[in-house]
């Protein structure tokens, strides 16, 4: 089972498009699930959640929390054992991506890898939509560190995986990130709010100050390996 984990806000059409892309590209939709975190004040998904979309959908409606912890909350209710650190602004583009993802983890004895493909923006440089196994999550205690308001979660797991030599890039897996910063979408309310947070918070300073946490994650994973 691959659990697709996505915080989302006021973007039901994005989620519908994502689901359609899953049906268009995946080999086995029955072995996939979509797990959403939705703010409790956001009613825009009510109709969508009542409909049958041909895929298992799990969701949490909860208080507004930092986006990094939304992923962790999704992970808590996900089936796994493979987790896609996903978003609500991307589409699956490559055929049989799910089979390829499963094969990578089957080929890894301990499953401690960060797997990612092209996103049409960062590509090999950064795994923005990467896959992790439950062995990784159970070993470090979370999917991503739960204290970033915006950004840096993907950088964290990329740096940790690079530090232990377990960063795996497969360009045949294409998950297109339709981010406004890549010129692939309009700036909606959700993007605008997150950009304001980005401007207000010093994410880089927080990232630098938490470097011991990444070292600790590397040690835990290396001990597991």
N, C-alpha and C. Protein backbone atom coordinates (compact mmCIF):
# COMPACT_ATOMS: atom_id res chain seq x y z
N UNK A 1 0.85 -1.21 0.00
CA UNK A 1 0.00 0.00 0.00
C UNK A 1 0.87 1.25 0.00
N UNK A 2 0.53 2.19 -0.86
CA UNK A 2 1.16 3.51 -0.86
C UNK A 2 0.13 4.51 -0.35
N UNK A 3 0.49 5.23 0.70
CA UNK A 3 -0.38 6.25 1.28
C UNK A 3 0.09 7.61 0.81
N UNK A 4 -0.79 8.32 0.12
CA UNK A 4 -0.48 9.64 -0.42
C UNK A 4 -0.94 10.67 0.61
N UNK A 5 0.01 11.35 1.23
CA UNK A 5 -0.29 12.23 2.36
C UNK A 5 -0.30 13.69 1.91
N UNK A 6 -1.40 14.39 2.17
CA UNK A 6 -1.50 15.76 1.69
C UNK A 6 -2.28 16.67 2.62
N UNK A 7 -1.64 17.67 3.21
CA UNK A 7 -2.39 18.78 3.80
C UNK A 7 -3.07 19.53 2.66
N UNK A 8 -4.25 20.07 2.90
CA UNK A 8 -4.92 20.80 1.82
C UNK A 8 -5.87 21.84 2.42
N UNK A 9 -6.02 22.94 1.70
CA UNK A 9 -6.93 23.99 2.17
C UNK A 9 -7.57 24.69 0.97
N UNK A 10 -8.91 24.68 0.95
CA UNK A 10 -9.70 25.39 -0.05
C UNK A 10 -9.30 25.06 -1.48
N UNK A 11 -8.99 23.79 -1.70
CA UNK A 11 -8.59 23.36 -3.04
C UNK A 11 -9.26 22.03 -3.43
N UNK A 12 -10.56 21.91 -3.30
CA UNK A 12 -11.20 20.65 -3.67
C UNK A 12 -10.99 20.27 -5.13
N UNK A 13 -10.96 21.27 -6.02
CA UNK A 13 -10.74 20.96 -7.43
C UNK A 13 -9.34 20.41 -7.68
N UNK A 14 -8.37 20.91 -6.92
CA UNK A 14 -7.02 20.36 -7.01
C UNK A 14 -7.04 18.88 -6.64
N UNK A 15 -7.75 18.55 -5.58
CA UNK A 15 -7.80 17.16 -5.13
C UNK A 15 -8.52 16.29 -6.16
N UNK A 16 -9.58 16.80 -6.77
CA UNK A 16 -10.26 16.05 -7.82
C UNK A 16 -9.33 15.79 -9.00
N UNK A 17 -8.56 16.80 -9.38
CA UNK A 17 -7.60 16.62 -10.48
C UNK A 17 -6.51 15.62 -10.11
N UNK A 18 -6.08 15.67 -8.86
CA UNK A 18 -5.08 14.71 -8.38
C UNK A 18 -5.62 13.29 -8.47
N UNK A 19 -6.85 13.11 -8.01
CA UNK A 19 -7.46 11.78 -8.06
C UNK A 19 -7.57 11.28 -9.50
N UNK A 20 -7.95 12.17 -10.41
CA UNK A 20 -8.04 11.76 -11.82
C UNK A 20 -6.68 11.35 -12.34
N UNK A 21 -5.64 12.07 -11.95
CA UNK A 21 -4.29 11.72 -12.41
C UNK A 21 -3.86 10.36 -11.86
N UNK A 22 -4.33 10.02 -10.67
CA UNK A 22 -4.04 8.70 -10.10
C UNK A 22 -4.68 7.62 -10.97
N UNK A 23 -5.94 7.81 -11.32
CA UNK A 23 -6.64 6.84 -12.17
C UNK A 23 -6.00 6.74 -13.55
N UNK A 24 -5.47 7.85 -14.05
CA UNK A 24 -4.88 7.88 -15.38
C UNK A 24 -3.52 7.19 -15.45
N UNK A 25 -2.85 7.06 -14.31
CA UNK A 25 -1.44 6.64 -14.36
C UNK A 25 -1.10 5.39 -13.54
N UNK A 26 -1.82 5.14 -12.46
CA UNK A 26 -1.44 4.05 -11.54
C UNK A 26 -1.84 2.69 -12.10
N UNK A 27 -1.05 1.68 -11.78
CA UNK A 27 -1.36 0.30 -12.16
C UNK A 27 -2.42 -0.31 -11.26
N UNK A 28 -2.37 0.02 -9.96
CA UNK A 28 -3.26 -0.63 -9.00
C UNK A 28 -3.81 0.40 -8.01
N UNK A 29 -4.91 1.03 -8.38
CA UNK A 29 -5.52 2.06 -7.53
C UNK A 29 -6.01 1.46 -6.21
N UNK A 30 -6.34 0.17 -6.23
CA UNK A 30 -6.84 -0.48 -5.01
C UNK A 30 -5.76 -0.57 -3.94
N UNK A 31 -4.50 -0.43 -4.32
CA UNK A 31 -3.40 -0.50 -3.37
C UNK A 31 -2.85 0.89 -3.06
N UNK A 32 -3.69 1.89 -3.24
CA UNK A 32 -3.34 3.27 -2.94
C UNK A 32 -4.41 3.86 -2.03
N UNK A 33 -4.02 4.84 -1.23
CA UNK A 33 -5.00 5.61 -0.46
C UNK A 33 -4.55 7.06 -0.41
N UNK A 34 -5.52 7.95 -0.37
CA UNK A 34 -5.26 9.38 -0.27
C UNK A 34 -5.64 9.83 1.13
N UNK A 35 -4.69 10.44 1.83
CA UNK A 35 -4.91 10.85 3.22
C UNK A 35 -4.76 12.37 3.31
N UNK A 36 -5.82 13.04 3.74
CA UNK A 36 -5.86 14.50 3.75
C UNK A 36 -5.95 15.05 5.16
N UNK A 37 -5.31 16.20 5.36
CA UNK A 37 -5.55 16.99 6.58
C UNK A 37 -6.25 18.26 6.13
N UNK A 38 -7.44 18.50 6.68
CA UNK A 38 -8.28 19.64 6.32
C UNK A 38 -8.56 20.46 7.57
N UNK A 39 -8.38 21.77 7.49
CA UNK A 39 -8.69 22.63 8.64
C UNK A 39 -10.16 22.52 8.99
N UNK A 40 -10.46 22.55 10.27
CA UNK A 40 -11.84 22.37 10.73
C UNK A 40 -12.77 23.50 10.31
N UNK A 41 -12.22 24.65 9.92
CA UNK A 41 -13.06 25.76 9.48
C UNK A 41 -13.26 25.76 7.96
N UNK A 42 -12.76 24.74 7.29
CA UNK A 42 -12.80 24.67 5.83
C UNK A 42 -13.87 23.68 5.38
N UNK A 43 -14.99 24.20 4.89
CA UNK A 43 -16.10 23.34 4.46
C UNK A 43 -16.07 23.05 2.96
N UNK A 44 -15.04 23.50 2.27
CA UNK A 44 -15.01 23.38 0.81
C UNK A 44 -14.89 21.94 0.33
N UNK A 45 -14.52 21.02 1.22
CA UNK A 45 -14.33 19.62 0.83
C UNK A 45 -15.54 18.74 1.19
N UNK A 46 -16.55 19.32 1.80
CA UNK A 46 -17.67 18.52 2.31
C UNK A 46 -18.32 17.68 1.22
N UNK A 47 -18.58 18.29 0.08
CA UNK A 47 -19.22 17.56 -1.02
C UNK A 47 -18.29 16.49 -1.58
N UNK A 48 -17.03 16.83 -1.77
CA UNK A 48 -16.06 15.90 -2.31
C UNK A 48 -15.96 14.64 -1.45
N UNK A 49 -15.98 14.80 -0.15
CA UNK A 49 -15.80 13.67 0.75
C UNK A 49 -17.01 12.76 0.80
N UNK A 50 -18.15 13.23 0.30
CA UNK A 50 -19.35 12.40 0.25
C UNK A 50 -19.42 11.58 -1.03
N UNK A 51 -18.60 11.90 -2.01
CA UNK A 51 -18.65 11.25 -3.31
C UNK A 51 -17.72 10.03 -3.36
N UNK A 52 -18.04 9.11 -4.25
CA UNK A 52 -17.19 7.94 -4.51
C UNK A 52 -16.23 8.28 -5.64
N UNK A 53 -14.95 8.31 -5.33
CA UNK A 53 -13.94 8.67 -6.32
C UNK A 53 -13.13 7.46 -6.80
N UNK A 54 -13.55 6.28 -6.41
CA UNK A 54 -12.85 5.08 -6.87
C UNK A 54 -11.50 4.87 -6.23
N UNK A 55 -11.26 5.54 -5.12
CA UNK A 55 -10.01 5.37 -4.37
C UNK A 55 -10.33 5.59 -2.89
N UNK A 56 -9.64 4.88 -2.03
CA UNK A 56 -9.83 5.07 -0.59
C UNK A 56 -9.33 6.45 -0.19
N UNK A 57 -10.19 7.20 0.51
CA UNK A 57 -9.81 8.51 1.02
C UNK A 57 -10.00 8.52 2.53
N UNK A 58 -8.94 8.82 3.25
CA UNK A 58 -9.01 9.05 4.68
C UNK A 58 -8.74 10.53 4.93
N UNK A 59 -9.30 11.07 5.99
CA UNK A 59 -9.04 12.48 6.25
C UNK A 59 -9.19 12.80 7.73
N UNK A 60 -8.54 13.87 8.10
CA UNK A 60 -8.67 14.45 9.42
C UNK A 60 -9.16 15.88 9.24
N UNK A 61 -10.19 16.27 9.98
CA UNK A 61 -10.56 17.67 10.07
C UNK A 61 -10.17 18.13 11.46
N UNK A 62 -9.20 19.01 11.51
CA UNK A 62 -8.68 19.42 12.81
C UNK A 62 -8.32 20.88 12.85
N UNK A 63 -7.78 21.33 13.95
CA UNK A 63 -7.42 22.74 14.11
C UNK A 63 -6.27 23.13 13.19
N UNK A 64 -6.15 24.41 12.96
CA UNK A 64 -5.03 24.89 12.15
C UNK A 64 -3.73 24.65 12.91
N UNK A 65 -2.85 23.90 12.29
CA UNK A 65 -1.53 23.62 12.86
C UNK A 65 -0.50 23.86 11.78
N UNK A 66 0.77 23.84 12.13
CA UNK A 66 1.80 24.06 11.12
C UNK A 66 1.74 22.94 10.09
N UNK A 67 2.05 23.27 8.86
CA UNK A 67 1.88 22.33 7.76
C UNK A 67 2.73 21.07 7.95
N UNK A 68 3.90 21.23 8.54
CA UNK A 68 4.75 20.04 8.74
C UNK A 68 4.07 19.02 9.63
N UNK A 69 3.37 19.50 10.65
CA UNK A 69 2.69 18.55 11.54
C UNK A 69 1.43 17.97 10.91
N UNK A 70 0.87 18.66 9.92
CA UNK A 70 -0.26 18.09 9.18
C UNK A 70 0.16 16.79 8.49
N UNK A 71 1.35 16.77 7.92
CA UNK A 71 1.85 15.54 7.30
C UNK A 71 1.98 14.42 8.33
N UNK A 72 2.46 14.77 9.49
CA UNK A 72 2.59 13.75 10.54
C UNK A 72 1.23 13.21 10.98
N UNK A 73 0.25 14.09 11.08
CA UNK A 73 -1.09 13.66 11.45
C UNK A 73 -1.67 12.73 10.38
N UNK A 74 -1.43 13.06 9.12
CA UNK A 74 -1.86 12.18 8.03
C UNK A 74 -1.18 10.82 8.15
N UNK A 75 0.09 10.85 8.43
CA UNK A 75 0.86 9.61 8.54
C UNK A 75 0.32 8.73 9.67
N UNK A 76 -0.16 9.37 10.74
CA UNK A 76 -0.67 8.63 11.89
C UNK A 76 -1.86 7.74 11.54
N UNK A 77 -2.68 8.17 10.57
CA UNK A 77 -3.87 7.39 10.23
C UNK A 77 -3.71 6.63 8.92
N UNK A 78 -2.53 6.72 8.30
CA UNK A 78 -2.30 6.08 7.02
C UNK A 78 -2.01 4.59 7.20
N UNK A 79 -2.31 3.84 6.17
CA UNK A 79 -2.06 2.39 6.20
C UNK A 79 -0.60 2.05 5.92
N UNK A 80 0.03 2.81 5.00
CA UNK A 80 1.41 2.52 4.65
C UNK A 80 1.54 1.18 3.96
N UNK A 81 2.71 0.55 3.90
CA UNK A 81 3.96 0.96 4.55
C UNK A 81 4.79 2.00 3.80
N UNK A 82 4.35 2.38 2.58
CA UNK A 82 5.07 3.40 1.83
C UNK A 82 4.26 4.69 1.90
N UNK A 83 4.94 5.77 2.22
CA UNK A 83 4.28 7.06 2.36
C UNK A 83 4.79 8.03 1.30
N UNK A 84 3.86 8.70 0.62
CA UNK A 84 4.23 9.74 -0.32
C UNK A 84 4.06 11.09 0.36
N UNK A 85 5.18 11.78 0.57
CA UNK A 85 5.18 13.13 1.15
C UNK A 85 4.69 14.08 0.06
N UNK A 86 3.38 14.19 -0.05
CA UNK A 86 2.76 14.84 -1.21
C UNK A 86 2.18 16.20 -0.86
N UNK A 87 1.41 16.75 -1.80
CA UNK A 87 0.81 18.07 -1.62
C UNK A 87 -0.51 18.11 -2.40
N UNK A 88 -1.16 19.27 -2.38
CA UNK A 88 -2.43 19.39 -3.11
C UNK A 88 -2.24 20.17 -4.41
N UNK A 89 -0.99 20.35 -4.85
CA UNK A 89 -0.74 21.11 -6.08
C UNK A 89 0.21 20.36 -7.01
N UNK A 90 -0.05 19.07 -7.19
CA UNK A 90 0.75 18.28 -8.12
C UNK A 90 -0.15 17.25 -8.79
N UNK A 91 0.37 16.66 -9.88
CA UNK A 91 -0.33 15.60 -10.60
C UNK A 91 0.65 14.48 -10.93
N UNK A 92 0.18 13.25 -10.89
CA UNK A 92 0.99 12.13 -11.35
C UNK A 92 0.98 12.15 -12.87
N UNK A 93 2.16 12.05 -13.47
CA UNK A 93 2.28 12.14 -14.92
C UNK A 93 2.80 10.86 -15.57
N UNK A 94 3.59 10.07 -14.86
CA UNK A 94 4.21 8.89 -15.47
C UNK A 94 3.36 7.65 -15.23
N UNK A 95 3.18 6.87 -16.27
CA UNK A 95 2.45 5.61 -16.16
C UNK A 95 3.20 4.64 -15.25
N UNK A 96 2.45 3.86 -14.48
CA UNK A 96 3.00 2.78 -13.64
C UNK A 96 3.94 3.30 -12.55
N UNK A 97 3.77 4.55 -12.15
CA UNK A 97 4.65 5.10 -11.11
C UNK A 97 4.55 4.30 -9.82
N UNK A 98 3.35 3.80 -9.51
CA UNK A 98 3.16 3.06 -8.26
C UNK A 98 3.94 1.74 -8.27
N UNK A 99 3.94 1.08 -9.41
CA UNK A 99 4.72 -0.17 -9.54
C UNK A 99 6.21 0.11 -9.40
N UNK A 100 6.67 1.18 -10.00
CA UNK A 100 8.09 1.54 -9.92
C UNK A 100 8.49 1.88 -8.49
N UNK A 101 7.63 2.62 -7.79
CA UNK A 101 7.92 2.97 -6.40
C UNK A 101 8.03 1.71 -5.55
N UNK A 102 7.07 0.81 -5.68
CA UNK A 102 7.09 -0.43 -4.91
C UNK A 102 8.35 -1.24 -5.21
N UNK A 103 8.75 -1.26 -6.47
CA UNK A 103 9.93 -2.04 -6.85
C UNK A 103 11.18 -1.50 -6.18
N UNK A 104 11.32 -0.19 -6.11
CA UNK A 104 12.49 0.40 -5.44
C UNK A 104 12.57 -0.06 -3.99
N UNK A 105 11.45 -0.06 -3.30
CA UNK A 105 11.47 -0.45 -1.89
C UNK A 105 11.65 -1.96 -1.73
N UNK A 106 11.12 -2.73 -2.67
CA UNK A 106 11.35 -4.18 -2.63
C UNK A 106 12.83 -4.50 -2.84
N UNK A 107 13.51 -3.67 -3.62
CA UNK A 107 14.93 -3.90 -3.89
C UNK A 107 15.83 -3.46 -2.74
N UNK A 108 15.28 -2.75 -1.78
CA UNK A 108 16.05 -2.29 -0.63
C UNK A 108 15.80 -3.23 0.55
N UNK A 109 16.84 -3.82 1.08
CA UNK A 109 16.70 -4.79 2.17
C UNK A 109 16.09 -4.15 3.41
N UNK A 110 16.58 -2.98 3.79
CA UNK A 110 16.10 -2.36 5.03
C UNK A 110 15.06 -1.27 4.78
N UNK A 111 14.82 -0.91 3.51
CA UNK A 111 13.80 0.08 3.11
C UNK A 111 14.15 1.51 3.52
N UNK A 112 15.36 1.73 3.99
CA UNK A 112 15.76 3.08 4.42
C UNK A 112 16.32 3.83 3.22
N UNK A 113 15.40 4.37 2.41
CA UNK A 113 15.78 5.21 1.28
C UNK A 113 14.79 6.37 1.20
N UNK A 114 15.24 7.47 0.63
CA UNK A 114 14.35 8.53 0.21
C UNK A 114 14.30 8.45 -1.30
N UNK A 115 13.14 8.10 -1.82
CA UNK A 115 12.95 7.93 -3.26
C UNK A 115 12.19 9.12 -3.82
N UNK A 116 12.68 9.65 -4.92
CA UNK A 116 11.97 10.75 -5.56
C UNK A 116 12.23 10.75 -7.05
N UNK A 117 11.33 11.38 -7.78
CA UNK A 117 11.47 11.49 -9.22
C UNK A 117 11.45 12.94 -9.67
N UNK A 118 11.21 13.14 -10.93
CA UNK A 118 11.11 14.50 -11.47
C UNK A 118 9.85 15.18 -10.96
N UNK A 119 9.96 16.49 -10.76
CA UNK A 119 8.76 17.26 -10.42
C UNK A 119 8.52 18.38 -11.43
N UNK A 120 9.37 18.45 -12.48
CA UNK A 120 9.21 19.47 -13.49
C UNK A 120 9.74 20.82 -13.07
N UNK A 121 10.43 20.87 -11.95
CA UNK A 121 10.93 22.14 -11.42
C UNK A 121 12.30 21.93 -10.79
N UNK A 122 12.35 21.19 -9.70
CA UNK A 122 13.61 20.90 -9.03
C UNK A 122 14.29 19.65 -9.63
N UNK A 123 13.49 18.69 -10.04
CA UNK A 123 13.99 17.43 -10.60
C UNK A 123 15.05 16.80 -9.71
N UNK A 124 16.24 16.53 -10.24
CA UNK A 124 17.26 15.80 -9.47
C UNK A 124 17.79 16.59 -8.28
N UNK A 125 17.65 17.91 -8.31
CA UNK A 125 18.26 18.74 -7.27
C UNK A 125 17.65 18.54 -5.89
N UNK A 126 16.33 18.30 -5.84
CA UNK A 126 15.65 18.20 -4.55
C UNK A 126 14.40 17.33 -4.69
N UNK A 127 14.26 16.40 -3.77
CA UNK A 127 13.07 15.57 -3.75
C UNK A 127 11.93 16.30 -3.07
N UNK A 128 11.10 17.00 -3.85
CA UNK A 128 10.01 17.78 -3.28
C UNK A 128 8.77 16.93 -3.02
N UNK A 129 8.66 15.80 -3.70
CA UNK A 129 7.50 14.92 -3.58
C UNK A 129 8.01 13.50 -3.43
N UNK A 130 8.65 13.23 -2.31
CA UNK A 130 9.41 12.00 -2.15
C UNK A 130 8.63 10.92 -1.41
N UNK A 131 9.17 9.70 -1.47
CA UNK A 131 8.56 8.53 -0.86
C UNK A 131 9.46 7.98 0.25
N UNK A 132 8.85 7.64 1.37
CA UNK A 132 9.56 7.04 2.50
C UNK A 132 8.81 5.79 2.95
N UNK A 133 9.53 4.90 3.62
CA UNK A 133 8.94 3.67 4.14
C UNK A 133 8.68 3.81 5.64
N UNK A 134 7.76 3.00 6.14
CA UNK A 134 7.45 3.05 7.57
C UNK A 134 8.67 2.73 8.43
N UNK A 135 9.65 1.99 7.91
CA UNK A 135 10.87 1.72 8.67
C UNK A 135 11.59 3.02 9.02
N UNK A 136 11.61 3.94 8.07
CA UNK A 136 12.23 5.26 8.30
C UNK A 136 11.42 6.01 9.36
N UNK A 137 10.12 6.06 9.17
CA UNK A 137 9.25 6.85 10.06
C UNK A 137 9.31 6.32 11.49
N UNK A 138 9.24 5.01 11.65
CA UNK A 138 9.28 4.42 12.99
C UNK A 138 10.65 4.63 13.65
N UNK A 139 11.70 4.65 12.84
CA UNK A 139 13.05 4.79 13.39
C UNK A 139 13.31 6.20 13.91
N UNK A 140 12.90 7.22 13.17
CA UNK A 140 13.16 8.60 13.61
C UNK A 140 12.01 9.16 14.45
N UNK A 141 10.82 8.55 14.33
CA UNK A 141 9.70 8.97 15.17
C UNK A 141 8.71 9.90 14.51
N UNK A 142 8.91 10.22 13.24
CA UNK A 142 7.98 11.09 12.52
C UNK A 142 8.27 11.00 11.02
N UNK A 143 7.32 11.47 10.23
CA UNK A 143 7.56 11.58 8.79
C UNK A 143 8.49 12.75 8.53
N UNK A 144 8.11 13.92 9.05
CA UNK A 144 8.92 15.13 8.94
C UNK A 144 8.89 15.84 10.29
N UNK A 145 9.89 16.65 10.60
CA UNK A 145 9.86 17.38 11.87
C UNK A 145 8.66 18.31 11.92
N UNK A 146 7.96 18.35 13.04
CA UNK A 146 6.68 19.03 13.11
C UNK A 146 6.71 20.47 13.54
N UNK A 147 7.74 21.22 13.16
CA UNK A 147 7.80 22.61 13.65
C UNK A 147 8.03 23.65 12.55
N UNK A 148 7.92 23.27 11.29
CA UNK A 148 8.08 24.25 10.21
C UNK A 148 6.72 24.75 9.74
N UNK A 149 6.55 26.09 9.75
CA UNK A 149 5.30 26.70 9.29
C UNK A 149 5.11 26.53 7.79
N UNK A 150 6.20 26.61 7.05
CA UNK A 150 6.16 26.50 5.60
C UNK A 150 7.57 26.17 5.13
N UNK A 151 7.68 25.33 4.09
CA UNK A 151 8.97 24.94 3.52
C UNK A 151 9.82 24.11 4.50
N UNK A 152 10.98 23.70 4.03
CA UNK A 152 12.06 23.08 4.78
C UNK A 152 11.86 21.61 5.14
N UNK A 153 10.63 21.10 5.12
CA UNK A 153 10.45 19.68 5.44
C UNK A 153 11.14 18.79 4.41
N UNK A 154 10.95 19.13 3.13
CA UNK A 154 11.58 18.32 2.09
C UNK A 154 13.10 18.46 2.14
N UNK A 155 13.58 19.65 2.47
CA UNK A 155 15.02 19.84 2.59
C UNK A 155 15.58 18.98 3.72
N UNK A 156 14.84 18.89 4.82
CA UNK A 156 15.27 18.09 5.97
C UNK A 156 15.48 16.63 5.58
N UNK A 157 14.46 16.01 5.00
CA UNK A 157 14.59 14.59 4.70
C UNK A 157 15.57 14.34 3.55
N UNK A 158 15.72 15.32 2.66
CA UNK A 158 16.73 15.20 1.61
C UNK A 158 18.13 15.24 2.21
N UNK A 159 18.36 16.16 3.12
CA UNK A 159 19.69 16.28 3.72
C UNK A 159 20.02 15.06 4.58
N UNK A 160 19.03 14.55 5.30
CA UNK A 160 19.26 13.36 6.11
C UNK A 160 19.59 12.17 5.22
N UNK A 161 18.81 11.98 4.16
CA UNK A 161 19.05 10.84 3.26
C UNK A 161 20.39 10.96 2.55
N UNK A 162 20.75 12.18 2.18
CA UNK A 162 22.05 12.40 1.55
C UNK A 162 23.18 12.10 2.53
N UNK A 163 22.98 12.49 3.78
CA UNK A 163 24.01 12.29 4.79
C UNK A 163 24.32 10.82 5.07
N UNK A 164 23.32 9.95 4.84
CA UNK A 164 23.55 8.51 5.08
C UNK A 164 23.69 7.75 3.76
N UNK A 165 23.76 8.49 2.66
CA UNK A 165 23.96 7.85 1.36
C UNK A 165 22.76 7.05 0.87
N UNK A 166 21.54 7.50 1.19
CA UNK A 166 20.33 6.76 0.82
C UNK A 166 19.32 7.63 0.07
N UNK A 167 19.81 8.54 -0.73
CA UNK A 167 18.94 9.41 -1.54
C UNK A 167 18.88 8.82 -2.94
N UNK A 168 17.69 8.41 -3.38
CA UNK A 168 17.53 7.69 -4.65
C UNK A 168 16.65 8.49 -5.60
N UNK A 169 17.20 8.84 -6.75
CA UNK A 169 16.48 9.61 -7.76
C UNK A 169 16.15 8.72 -8.95
N UNK A 170 14.88 8.70 -9.34
CA UNK A 170 14.44 7.94 -10.51
C UNK A 170 13.70 8.88 -11.45
N UNK A 171 14.32 9.33 -12.53
CA UNK A 171 13.68 10.29 -13.43
C UNK A 171 12.49 9.71 -14.18
N UNK A 172 12.31 8.39 -14.14
CA UNK A 172 11.15 7.78 -14.80
C UNK A 172 9.86 7.97 -14.00
N UNK A 173 10.01 8.37 -12.74
CA UNK A 173 8.85 8.71 -11.92
C UNK A 173 8.65 10.22 -12.03
N UNK A 174 7.49 10.61 -12.53
CA UNK A 174 7.24 12.04 -12.77
C UNK A 174 6.00 12.48 -12.01
N UNK A 175 6.22 13.28 -10.99
CA UNK A 175 5.14 13.89 -10.23
C UNK A 175 5.26 15.40 -10.43
N UNK A 176 4.44 15.95 -11.27
CA UNK A 176 4.60 17.35 -11.67
C UNK A 176 4.06 18.30 -10.60
N UNK A 177 4.95 19.13 -10.07
CA UNK A 177 4.58 20.10 -9.06
C UNK A 177 4.09 21.37 -9.75
N UNK A 178 2.81 21.66 -9.60
CA UNK A 178 2.21 22.80 -10.30
C UNK A 178 2.26 24.06 -9.44
N UNK A 179 3.42 24.36 -8.92
CA UNK A 179 3.60 25.47 -7.99
C UNK A 179 3.61 26.80 -8.74
N UNK A 180 3.04 27.83 -8.10
CA UNK A 180 3.03 29.15 -8.72
C UNK A 180 4.44 29.67 -8.97
N UNK A 181 5.37 29.29 -8.11
CA UNK A 181 6.74 29.76 -8.24
C UNK A 181 7.42 29.21 -9.48
N UNK A 182 6.85 28.10 -10.02
CA UNK A 182 7.36 27.52 -11.26
C UNK A 182 6.57 28.01 -12.46
N UNK A 183 5.63 28.95 -12.22
CA UNK A 183 4.83 29.50 -13.29
C UNK A 183 3.76 28.56 -13.80
N UNK A 184 3.32 27.61 -12.95
CA UNK A 184 2.37 26.59 -13.41
C UNK A 184 0.99 26.74 -12.78
N UNK A 185 0.78 27.79 -12.02
CA UNK A 185 -0.55 28.03 -11.45
C UNK A 185 -0.65 29.48 -11.02
N UNK A 186 -1.88 29.90 -10.75
CA UNK A 186 -2.14 31.24 -10.25
C UNK A 186 -1.93 31.28 -8.73
N UNK A 187 -1.68 32.46 -8.22
CA UNK A 187 -1.52 32.62 -6.78
C UNK A 187 -2.91 32.71 -6.15
N UNK A 188 -3.33 31.62 -5.50
CA UNK A 188 -4.62 31.62 -4.83
C UNK A 188 -4.45 32.03 -3.37
N UNK A 189 -5.53 31.96 -2.61
CA UNK A 189 -5.47 32.39 -1.21
C UNK A 189 -4.49 31.55 -0.39
N UNK A 190 -4.48 30.25 -0.65
CA UNK A 190 -3.58 29.36 0.11
C UNK A 190 -2.13 29.69 -0.16
N UNK A 191 -1.78 29.89 -1.44
CA UNK A 191 -0.40 30.29 -1.77
C UNK A 191 -0.06 31.63 -1.12
N UNK A 192 -0.99 32.57 -1.19
CA UNK A 192 -0.73 33.91 -0.66
C UNK A 192 -0.45 33.88 0.84
N UNK A 193 -1.26 33.12 1.57
CA UNK A 193 -1.07 33.02 3.02
C UNK A 193 0.28 32.38 3.34
N UNK A 194 0.59 31.31 2.63
CA UNK A 194 1.86 30.64 2.89
C UNK A 194 3.04 31.52 2.52
N UNK A 195 2.89 32.33 1.47
CA UNK A 195 3.98 33.23 1.10
C UNK A 195 4.16 34.31 2.16
N UNK A 196 3.06 34.79 2.73
CA UNK A 196 3.17 35.76 3.82
C UNK A 196 3.90 35.16 5.01
N UNK A 197 3.61 33.91 5.30
CA UNK A 197 4.30 33.23 6.39
C UNK A 197 5.78 33.08 6.07
N UNK A 198 6.08 32.79 4.81
CA UNK A 198 7.46 32.65 4.38
C UNK A 198 8.24 33.94 4.55
N UNK A 199 7.57 35.04 4.23
CA UNK A 199 8.20 36.35 4.35
C UNK A 199 8.39 36.74 5.82
N UNK A 200 7.44 36.35 6.67
CA UNK A 200 7.47 36.73 8.08
C UNK A 200 8.46 35.88 8.88
N UNK A 201 8.44 34.58 8.64
CA UNK A 201 9.27 33.66 9.41
C UNK A 201 10.67 33.56 8.82
N UNK A 202 11.62 33.36 9.67
CA UNK A 202 12.99 33.13 9.20
C UNK A 202 13.24 31.63 9.18
N UNK A 203 12.69 30.98 8.15
CA UNK A 203 12.79 29.53 8.06
C UNK A 203 14.21 29.03 7.98
N UNK A 204 15.06 29.78 7.27
CA UNK A 204 16.44 29.36 7.13
C UNK A 204 17.14 29.34 8.49
N UNK A 205 16.90 30.35 9.31
CA UNK A 205 17.53 30.41 10.64
C UNK A 205 17.07 29.22 11.48
N UNK A 206 15.79 28.90 11.41
CA UNK A 206 15.28 27.75 12.16
C UNK A 206 15.92 26.47 11.65
N UNK A 207 16.05 26.37 10.34
CA UNK A 207 16.65 25.16 9.76
C UNK A 207 18.09 24.99 10.24
N UNK A 208 18.84 26.06 10.21
CA UNK A 208 20.24 26.00 10.66
C UNK A 208 20.32 25.62 12.13
N UNK A 209 19.45 26.21 12.95
CA UNK A 209 19.50 25.98 14.39
C UNK A 209 19.12 24.55 14.78
N UNK A 210 18.40 23.87 13.90
CA UNK A 210 17.94 22.51 14.21
C UNK A 210 18.83 21.44 13.58
N UNK A 211 20.00 21.81 13.16
CA UNK A 211 20.93 20.85 12.55
C UNK A 211 21.22 19.65 13.45
N UNK A 212 21.33 19.81 14.79
CA UNK A 212 21.53 18.62 15.63
C UNK A 212 20.42 17.58 15.48
N UNK A 213 19.21 18.03 15.20
CA UNK A 213 18.11 17.09 14.99
C UNK A 213 18.33 16.23 13.76
N UNK A 214 18.89 16.80 12.71
CA UNK A 214 19.18 16.02 11.50
C UNK A 214 20.30 15.03 11.77
N UNK A 215 21.27 15.45 12.55
CA UNK A 215 22.36 14.54 12.92
C UNK A 215 21.81 13.36 13.73
N UNK A 216 20.87 13.65 14.60
CA UNK A 216 20.27 12.60 15.42
C UNK A 216 19.49 11.62 14.54
N UNK A 217 18.76 12.15 13.56
CA UNK A 217 18.03 11.28 12.63
C UNK A 217 18.99 10.38 11.86
N UNK A 218 20.10 10.95 11.40
CA UNK A 218 21.08 10.16 10.66
C UNK A 218 21.63 9.03 11.51
N UNK A 219 21.91 9.33 12.76
CA UNK A 219 22.45 8.31 13.66
C UNK A 219 21.44 7.19 13.88
N UNK A 220 20.19 7.54 14.09
CA UNK A 220 19.15 6.53 14.28
C UNK A 220 19.01 5.63 13.07
N UNK A 221 19.02 6.24 11.89
CA UNK A 221 18.85 5.48 10.66
C UNK A 221 20.07 4.60 10.38
N UNK A 222 21.24 5.15 10.63
CA UNK A 222 22.47 4.36 10.42
C UNK A 222 22.50 3.17 11.37
N UNK A 223 22.04 3.36 12.58
CA UNK A 223 22.00 2.25 13.54
C UNK A 223 21.01 1.18 13.09
N UNK A 224 19.90 1.61 12.49
CA UNK A 224 18.91 0.65 11.98
C UNK A 224 19.49 -0.14 10.81
N UNK A 225 20.18 0.58 9.92
CA UNK A 225 20.79 -0.07 8.76
C UNK A 225 21.83 -1.09 9.18
